[in-house]
Amino acid sequence: MAKFKKSSGTTQEIPTAALPDIIFMLLFFFMVTTVLRETTIMVEQKLPKSTQLSKLERKSLVSYIYIGKPKRTAVYGVQPKIQVNDVFIEVKDVVRFVNQEKDKLSEVERDQITMSMKVDIDAKMGIVTDVQQEFKEANARKVLYSSSKRVD
């Protein structure tokens, strides 16, 4: 009589062939959905409060200018500064900044650029008026004044 031997040496491994595909899909998902902060704000930003706010339709047409007292007063002093991107500029450089921002856009969108001013509540109006005059000179007619919503 023949004896049949029971095979007990079977291994049950987890299939790992699809694992790299899953990892790359997750990596791609997080790369697409993550928004990185573009600018390090180097001025104080306590925005004024308002009751009526409206949202922007196309944020790709908005360029930001920050005005306020520098956070590092030991290095930059206490006078309000104008910050664009990650650098401080003078009032006379605002026209050049606006033109550089317009150059990044297509020919059709250049007249639709919106300059968003984020001005600290304690900043003097003189520097804001000077920047507004430079906007006129650069033909940047759409100016947005950023504020935070007043909680009543």
C-alpha atoms as a PDB file:
ATOM      1  CA  MET A   1       0.000   0.000   0.000  1.00  0.00           C
ATOM      2  CA  ALA A   2       1.312   3.426  -0.975  1.00  0.00           C
ATOM      3  CA  LYS A   3       1.507   6.102   1.620  1.00  0.00           C
ATOM      4  CA  PHE A   4       0.681   9.594   0.584  1.00  0.00           C
ATOM      5  CA  LYS A   5       2.623  12.255   2.350  1.00  0.00           C
ATOM      6  CA  LYS A   6       0.776  15.406   3.320  1.00  0.00           C
ATOM      7  CA  SER A   7       2.504  18.503   2.048  1.00  0.00           C
ATOM      8  CA  SER A   8       2.717  20.930   4.945  1.00  0.00           C
ATOM      9  CA  GLY A   9       5.472  23.135   3.562  1.00  0.00           C
ATOM     10  CA  THR A  10       3.219  25.667   1.846  1.00  0.00           C
ATOM     11  CA  THR A  11       4.044  29.320   2.430  1.00  0.00           C
ATOM     12  CA  GLN A  12       1.541  32.099   2.201  1.00  0.00           C
ATOM     13  CA  GLU A  13       3.380  35.246   1.186  1.00  0.00           C
ATOM     14  CA  ILE A  14       1.785  38.599   0.632  1.00  0.00           C
ATOM     15  CA  PRO A  15       2.050  39.586  -3.013  1.00  0.00           C
ATOM     16  CA  THR A  16       4.186  42.729  -3.270  1.00  0.00           C
ATOM     17  CA  ALA A  17       4.181  43.264  -7.027  1.00  0.00           C
ATOM     18  CA  ALA A  18       1.630  46.107  -6.869  1.00  0.00           C
ATOM     19  CA  LEU A  19       3.235  47.836  -3.885  1.00  0.00           C
ATOM     20  CA  PRO A  20       5.485  50.219  -5.874  1.00  0.00           C
ATOM     21  CA  ASP A  21       2.492  51.317  -7.962  1.00  0.00           C
ATOM     22  CA  ILE A  22       0.485  52.100  -4.839  1.00  0.00           C
ATOM     23  CA  ILE A  23       3.395  54.050  -3.307  1.00  0.00           C
ATOM     24  CA  PHE A  24       3.839  56.160  -6.460  1.00  0.00           C
ATOM     25  CA  MET A  25       0.106  56.872  -6.674  1.00  0.00           C
ATOM     26  CA  LEU A  26       0.111  58.108  -3.073  1.00  0.00           C
ATOM     27  CA  LEU A  27       3.227  60.178  -3.684  1.00  0.00           C
ATOM     28  CA  PHE A  28       1.718  61.742  -6.806  1.00  0.00           C
ATOM     29  CA  PHE A  29      -1.556  62.469  -4.982  1.00  0.00           C
ATOM     30  CA  PHE A  30       0.188  64.345  -2.162  1.00  0.00           C
ATOM     31  CA  MET A  31       2.430  66.227  -4.585  1.00  0.00           C
ATOM     32  CA  VAL A  32      -0.593  67.463  -6.513  1.00  0.00           C
ATOM     33  CA  THR A  33      -2.770  68.374  -3.542  1.00  0.00           C
ATOM     34  CA  THR A  34      -0.167  70.026  -1.314  1.00  0.00           C
ATOM     35  CA  VAL A  35       0.065  73.802  -1.464  1.00  0.00           C
ATOM     36  CA  LEU A  36       3.360  75.299  -0.426  1.00  0.00           C
ATOM     37  CA  ARG A  37       3.692  78.809   0.948  1.00  0.00           C
ATOM     38  CA  GLU A  38       5.332  80.887  -1.727  1.00  0.00           C
ATOM     39  CA  THR A  39       6.499  83.869   0.308  1.00  0.00           C
ATOM     40  CA  THR A  40       8.001  84.203   3.758  1.00  0.00           C
ATOM     41  CA  ILE A  41       6.336  87.270   5.236  1.00  0.00           C
ATOM     42  CA  MET A  42       9.003  89.480   6.808  1.00  0.00           C
ATOM     43  CA  VAL A  43       6.727  92.340   7.926  1.00  0.00           C
ATOM     44  CA  GLU A  44       4.125  92.474  10.656  1.00  0.00           C
ATOM     45  CA  GLN A  45       0.678  91.642   9.297  1.00  0.00           C
ATOM     46  CA  LYS A  46      -2.210  92.624  11.515  1.00  0.00           C
ATOM     47  CA  LEU A  47      -4.839  93.264   8.853  1.00  0.00           C
ATOM     48  CA  PRO A  48      -7.750  95.659   9.336  1.00  0.00           C
ATOM     49  CA  LYS A  49     -11.194  94.176   9.965  1.00  0.00           C
ATOM     50  CA  SER A  50     -14.072  94.560   7.518  1.00  0.00           C
ATOM     51  CA  THR A  51     -17.717  93.589   7.317  1.00  0.00           C
ATOM     52  CA  GLN A  52     -18.086  92.969   3.589  1.00  0.00           C
ATOM     53  CA  LEU A  53     -15.592  90.736   1.822  1.00  0.00           C
ATOM     54  CA  SER A  54     -15.531  89.280  -1.658  1.00  0.00           C
ATOM     55  CA  LYS A  55     -13.528  86.330  -2.908  1.00  0.00           C
ATOM     56  CA  LEU A  56     -11.124  86.470  -5.810  1.00  0.00           C
ATOM     57  CA  GLU A  57     -12.114  84.657  -8.958  1.00  0.00           C
ATOM     58  CA  ARG A  58      -8.669  83.989 -10.433  1.00  0.00           C
ATOM     59  CA  LYS A  59      -5.845  83.954  -7.945  1.00  0.00           C
ATOM     60  CA  SER A  60      -3.329  83.375 -10.715  1.00  0.00           C
ATOM     61  CA  LEU A  61      -3.786  87.015 -11.755  1.00  0.00           C
ATOM     62  CA  VAL A  62      -3.017  88.374  -8.271  1.00  0.00           C
ATOM     63  CA  SER A  63       0.355  89.667  -7.105  1.00  0.00           C
ATOM     64  CA  TYR A  64       0.896  90.495  -3.451  1.00  0.00           C
ATOM     65  CA  ILE A  65       2.604  93.482  -1.851  1.00  0.00           C
ATOM     66  CA  TYR A  66       3.079  93.494   1.921  1.00  0.00           C
ATOM     67  CA  ILE A  67       3.532  96.760   3.825  1.00  0.00           C
ATOM     68  CA  GLY A  68       4.349  96.950   7.506  1.00  0.00           C
ATOM     69  CA  LYS A  69       7.008  97.225  10.168  1.00  0.00           C
ATOM     70  CA  PRO A  70       9.754  94.628   9.687  1.00  0.00           C
ATOM     71  CA  LYS A  71       9.687  91.678  12.079  1.00  0.00           C
ATOM     72  CA  ARG A  72      13.459  91.925  12.523  1.00  0.00           C
ATOM     73  CA  THR A  73      13.682  95.546  13.644  1.00  0.00           C
ATOM     74  CA  ALA A  74      17.292  95.167  14.791  1.00  0.00           C
ATOM     75  CA  VAL A  75      18.341  94.522  11.187  1.00  0.00           C
ATOM     76  CA  TYR A  76      15.827  96.535   9.120  1.00  0.00           C
ATOM     77  CA  GLY A  77      14.723  99.316  11.507  1.00  0.00           C
ATOM     78  CA  VAL A  78      11.224 100.248  12.622  1.00  0.00           C
ATOM     79  CA  GLN A  79      10.023 102.216   9.585  1.00  0.00           C
ATOM     80  CA  PRO A  80       7.381 100.480   7.433  1.00  0.00           C
ATOM     81  CA  LYS A  81       8.834  98.496   4.540  1.00  0.00           C
ATOM     82  CA  ILE A  82       7.437  97.235   1.249  1.00  0.00           C
ATOM     83  CA  GLN A  83       7.907  93.504   0.702  1.00  0.00           C
ATOM     84  CA  VAL A  84       7.364  91.677  -2.573  1.00  0.00           C
ATOM     85  CA  ASN A  85       8.079  87.971  -2.850  1.00  0.00           C
ATOM     86  CA  ASP A  86      10.924  87.471  -0.351  1.00  0.00           C
ATOM     87  CA  VAL A  87      12.669  90.854  -0.633  1.00  0.00           C
ATOM     88  CA  PHE A  88      12.199  94.418   0.530  1.00  0.00           C
ATOM     89  CA  ILE A  89      11.927  97.075  -2.171  1.00  0.00           C
ATOM     90  CA  GLU A  90      11.751 100.856  -2.235  1.00  0.00           C
ATOM     91  CA  VAL A  91       8.775 102.818  -3.553  1.00  0.00           C
ATOM     92  CA  LYS A  92      10.654 103.591  -6.785  1.00  0.00           C
ATOM     93  CA  ASP A  93      10.966  99.840  -7.490  1.00  0.00           C
ATOM     94  CA  VAL A  94       7.206  99.161  -7.448  1.00  0.00           C
ATOM     95  CA  VAL A  95       6.806  99.929 -11.185  1.00  0.00           C
ATOM     96  CA  ARG A  96       9.559  97.451 -12.048  1.00  0.00           C
ATOM     97  CA  PHE A  97       7.923  94.798  -9.817  1.00  0.00           C
ATOM     98  CA  VAL A  98       4.518  95.317 -11.496  1.00  0.00           C
ATOM     99  CA  ASN A  99       6.097  95.035 -14.941  1.00  0.00           C
ATOM    100  CA  GLN A 100       7.914  91.827 -13.934  1.00  0.00           C
ATOM    101  CA  GLU A 101       4.640  90.359 -12.696  1.00  0.00           C
ATOM    102  CA  LYS A 102       2.892  91.353 -15.936  1.00  0.00           C
ATOM    103  CA  ASP A 103       5.654  89.694 -17.958  1.00  0.00           C
ATOM    104  CA  LYS A 104       4.824  86.364 -16.283  1.00  0.00           C
ATOM    105  CA  LEU A 105       1.294  86.519 -17.713  1.00  0.00           C
ATOM    106  CA  SER A 106       0.084  86.030 -21.254  1.00  0.00           C
ATOM    107  CA  GLU A 107      -0.523  89.074 -23.439  1.00  0.00           C
ATOM    108  CA  VAL A 108      -4.296  88.848 -22.953  1.00  0.00           C
ATOM    109  CA  GLU A 109      -4.121  88.629 -19.147  1.00  0.00           C
ATOM    110  CA  ARG A 110      -1.688  91.514 -18.569  1.00  0.00           C
ATOM    111  CA  ASP A 111      -4.406  94.141 -18.256  1.00  0.00           C
ATOM    112  CA  GLN A 112      -6.327  91.929 -15.820  1.00  0.00           C
ATOM    113  CA  ILE A 113      -3.563  91.760 -13.197  1.00  0.00           C
ATOM    114  CA  THR A 114      -4.696  92.561  -9.665  1.00  0.00           C
ATOM    115  CA  MET A 115      -2.295  94.014  -7.134  1.00  0.00           C
ATOM    116  CA  SER A 116      -3.218  92.873  -3.620  1.00  0.00           C
ATOM    117  CA  MET A 117      -1.966  95.125  -0.846  1.00  0.00           C
ATOM    118  CA  LYS A 118      -1.685  93.496   2.558  1.00  0.00           C
ATOM    119  CA  VAL A 119      -1.061  96.507   4.770  1.00  0.00           C
ATOM    120  CA  ASP A 120      -0.500  96.303   8.510  1.00  0.00           C
ATOM    121  CA  ILE A 121      -3.151  98.170  10.481  1.00  0.00           C
ATOM    122  CA  ASP A 122      -0.464 100.342  12.137  1.00  0.00           C
ATOM    123  CA  ALA A 123       1.282 101.353   8.886  1.00  0.00           C
ATOM    124  CA  LYS A 124       1.228 105.030   7.948  1.00  0.00           C
ATOM    125  CA  MET A 125      -0.947 106.085   5.026  1.00  0.00           C
ATOM    126  CA  GLY A 126       1.924 107.949   3.325  1.00  0.00           C
ATOM    127  CA  ILE A 127       3.699 104.797   2.138  1.00  0.00           C
ATOM    128  CA  VAL A 128       0.383 103.324   0.954  1.00  0.00           C
ATOM    129  CA  THR A 129      -0.364 106.460  -1.085  1.00  0.00           C
ATOM    130  CA  ASP A 130       3.129 106.355  -2.605  1.00  0.00           C
ATOM    131  CA  VAL A 131       2.605 102.727  -3.672  1.00  0.00           C
ATOM    132  CA  GLN A 132      -0.803 103.625  -5.159  1.00  0.00           C
ATOM    133  CA  GLN A 133       0.845 106.365  -7.243  1.00  0.00           C
ATOM    134  CA  GLU A 134       3.394 103.854  -8.511  1.00  0.00           C
ATOM    135  CA  PHE A 135       0.540 101.490  -9.463  1.00  0.00           C
ATOM    136  CA  LYS A 136      -0.964 104.274 -11.588  1.00  0.00           C
ATOM    137  CA  GLU A 137       2.381 104.859 -13.260  1.00  0.00           C
ATOM    138  CA  ALA A 138       2.695 101.119 -14.004  1.00  0.00           C
ATOM    139  CA  ASN A 139      -0.891 101.009 -15.345  1.00  0.00           C
ATOM    140  CA  ALA A 140      -1.979  98.536 -12.652  1.00  0.00           C
ATOM    141  CA  ARG A 141      -5.556  99.704 -12.245  1.00  0.00           C
ATOM    142  CA  LYS A 142      -6.981  96.826 -10.204  1.00  0.00           C
ATOM    143  CA  VAL A 143      -5.943  97.181  -6.576  1.00  0.00           C
ATOM    144  CA  LEU A 144      -7.219  94.925  -3.833  1.00  0.00           C
ATOM    145  CA  TYR A 145      -6.928  95.815  -0.166  1.00  0.00           C
ATOM    146  CA  SER A 146      -6.744  92.641   1.895  1.00  0.00           C
ATOM    147  CA  SER A 147      -8.494  92.479   5.233  1.00  0.00           C
ATOM    148  CA  SER A 148      -9.794  89.939   7.676  1.00  0.00           C
ATOM    149  CA  LYS A 149     -13.447  89.351   8.492  1.00  0.00           C
ATOM    150  CA  ARG A 150     -14.844  91.151  11.494  1.00  0.00           C
ATOM    151  CA  VAL A 151     -16.472  88.801  13.970  1.00  0.00           C
ATOM    152  CA  ASP A 152     -19.538  90.443  15.530  1.00  0.00           C
END
